[in-house]
Amino acid sequence: MDASALTGESLPINASAGVRVLSGMVNGNGLIKARVEKSYKNSTASRIIDMVSNAYENKGNKEKLITRFSKYYTPCLLYTSPSPRDSCASRMPSSACKKKKT
């Protein structure tokens, strides 16, 4: 079972009889049979969905302002920045682009 999305654990967990699995774990091998112990409302997946959907509401006013600002600022910055494919000559005087002989 891959629990990396829930716990950050990089290695998969070997699920066998008696091992608890969480909602949101990904089954990578074969078929499993599991007993449900909690309702969806009390499940790990439900809590994650609630936290994500409520995250914006819990942001402070400054964080909300920064989010709105970056929505417009970042694309403008990327649009106006020089491309890495621009040649040296398009940005610098020709004398600065000449290689020095050694």
Protein backbone atom coordinates (compact mmCIF):
# COMPACT_ATOMS: atom_id res chain seq x y z
CA MET A 1 0.00 0.00 0.00
CA ASP A 2 1.35 3.40 -0.98
CA ALA A 3 0.72 5.92 1.81
CA SER A 4 3.05 8.64 0.48
CA ALA A 5 0.20 11.06 -0.28
CA LEU A 6 -1.03 10.79 3.32
CA THR A 7 2.09 10.35 5.42
CA GLY A 8 4.99 11.30 3.17
CA GLU A 9 6.44 7.82 3.69
CA SER A 10 8.53 6.99 0.64
CA LEU A 11 8.40 3.21 1.01
CA PRO A 12 5.20 1.22 0.49
CA ILE A 13 3.60 -0.50 3.48
CA ASN A 14 3.14 -4.26 3.32
CA ALA A 15 -0.52 -4.86 4.02
CA SER A 16 -1.40 -8.24 5.44
CA ALA A 17 -4.14 -9.62 7.68
CA GLY A 18 -4.60 -7.42 10.73
CA VAL A 19 -2.77 -4.37 9.34
CA ARG A 20 -4.79 -1.13 9.37
CA VAL A 21 -5.07 0.75 6.11
CA LEU A 22 -6.22 4.35 5.76
CA SER A 23 -8.63 5.77 3.24
CA GLY A 24 -6.52 7.45 0.61
CA MET A 25 -3.85 4.75 0.50
CA VAL A 26 -3.19 3.40 -2.99
CA ASN A 27 -3.21 -0.36 -3.51
CA GLY A 28 -0.34 -1.24 -5.81
CA ASN A 29 -0.59 -5.03 -5.78
CA GLY A 30 -3.53 -7.36 -6.17
CA LEU A 31 -6.84 -7.49 -4.39
CA ILE A 32 -7.42 -6.65 -0.74
CA LYS A 33 -10.31 -7.24 1.58
CA ALA A 34 -10.75 -4.63 4.29
CA ARG A 35 -13.25 -3.96 7.06
CA VAL A 36 -14.52 -0.39 7.37
CA GLU A 37 -14.16 0.93 10.92
CA LYS A 38 -15.12 4.59 10.44
CA SER A 39 -17.78 6.40 8.48
CA TYR A 40 -16.71 8.62 5.58
CA LYS A 41 -17.30 11.71 7.72
CA ASN A 42 -14.63 10.53 10.18
CA SER A 43 -12.20 9.20 7.57
CA THR A 44 -8.73 10.47 6.71
CA ALA A 45 -9.79 11.35 3.17
CA SER A 46 -12.73 13.40 4.44
CA ARG A 47 -10.51 15.35 6.83
CA ILE A 48 -8.00 16.12 4.06
CA ILE A 49 -10.75 17.35 1.76
CA ASP A 50 -12.15 19.57 4.53
CA MET A 51 -8.71 21.04 5.30
CA VAL A 52 -8.03 21.85 1.65
CA SER A 53 -11.45 23.40 1.05
CA ASN A 54 -11.20 25.51 4.21
CA ALA A 55 -7.59 26.59 3.69
CA TYR A 56 -8.45 29.77 1.80
CA GLU A 57 -11.00 30.84 4.43
CA ASN A 58 -8.37 30.50 7.15
CA LYS A 59 -5.82 32.68 5.37
CA GLY A 60 -5.10 36.06 6.85
CA ASN A 61 -5.85 39.27 4.96
CA LYS A 62 -2.20 39.72 3.98
CA GLU A 63 -2.01 36.20 2.57
CA LYS A 64 -5.18 36.78 0.55
CA LEU A 65 -3.75 40.06 -0.80
CA ILE A 66 -0.48 38.35 -1.79
CA THR A 67 -2.40 35.55 -3.52
CA ARG A 68 -4.48 38.05 -5.52
CA PHE A 69 -1.40 40.15 -6.32
CA SER A 70 0.66 37.18 -7.50
CA LYS A 71 -2.17 36.07 -9.78
CA TYR A 72 -1.44 39.10 -11.98
CA TYR A 73 2.18 39.94 -11.11
CA THR A 74 3.73 36.55 -11.86
CA PRO A 75 2.40 36.21 -15.44
CA CYS A 76 3.44 39.82 -16.18
CA LEU A 77 6.92 39.17 -14.82
CA LEU A 78 7.32 36.02 -16.88
CA TYR A 79 6.02 37.76 -20.00
CA THR A 80 8.44 40.66 -19.72
CA SER A 81 11.55 38.70 -18.68
CA PRO A 82 14.11 37.90 -21.39
CA SER A 83 14.00 34.42 -22.84
CA PRO A 84 17.01 32.18 -22.16
CA ARG A 85 17.18 31.73 -25.95
CA ASP A 86 17.82 35.45 -26.47
CA SER A 87 21.28 35.95 -27.85
CA CYS A 88 23.86 37.95 -26.00
CA ALA A 89 23.91 40.48 -28.83
CA SER A 90 20.27 41.39 -28.36
CA ARG A 91 20.91 42.52 -24.77
CA MET A 92 24.53 43.65 -24.70
CA PRO A 93 26.82 45.82 -26.82
CA SER A 94 28.61 43.78 -29.46
CA SER A 95 31.99 44.33 -27.79
CA ALA A 96 30.76 42.60 -24.61
CA CYS A 97 29.72 39.48 -26.54
CA LYS A 98 33.05 38.84 -28.23
CA LYS A 99 35.03 36.04 -26.71
CA LYS A 100 38.46 36.91 -25.44
CA LYS A 101 41.31 35.05 -27.06
CA THR A 102 43.62 33.29 -24.66
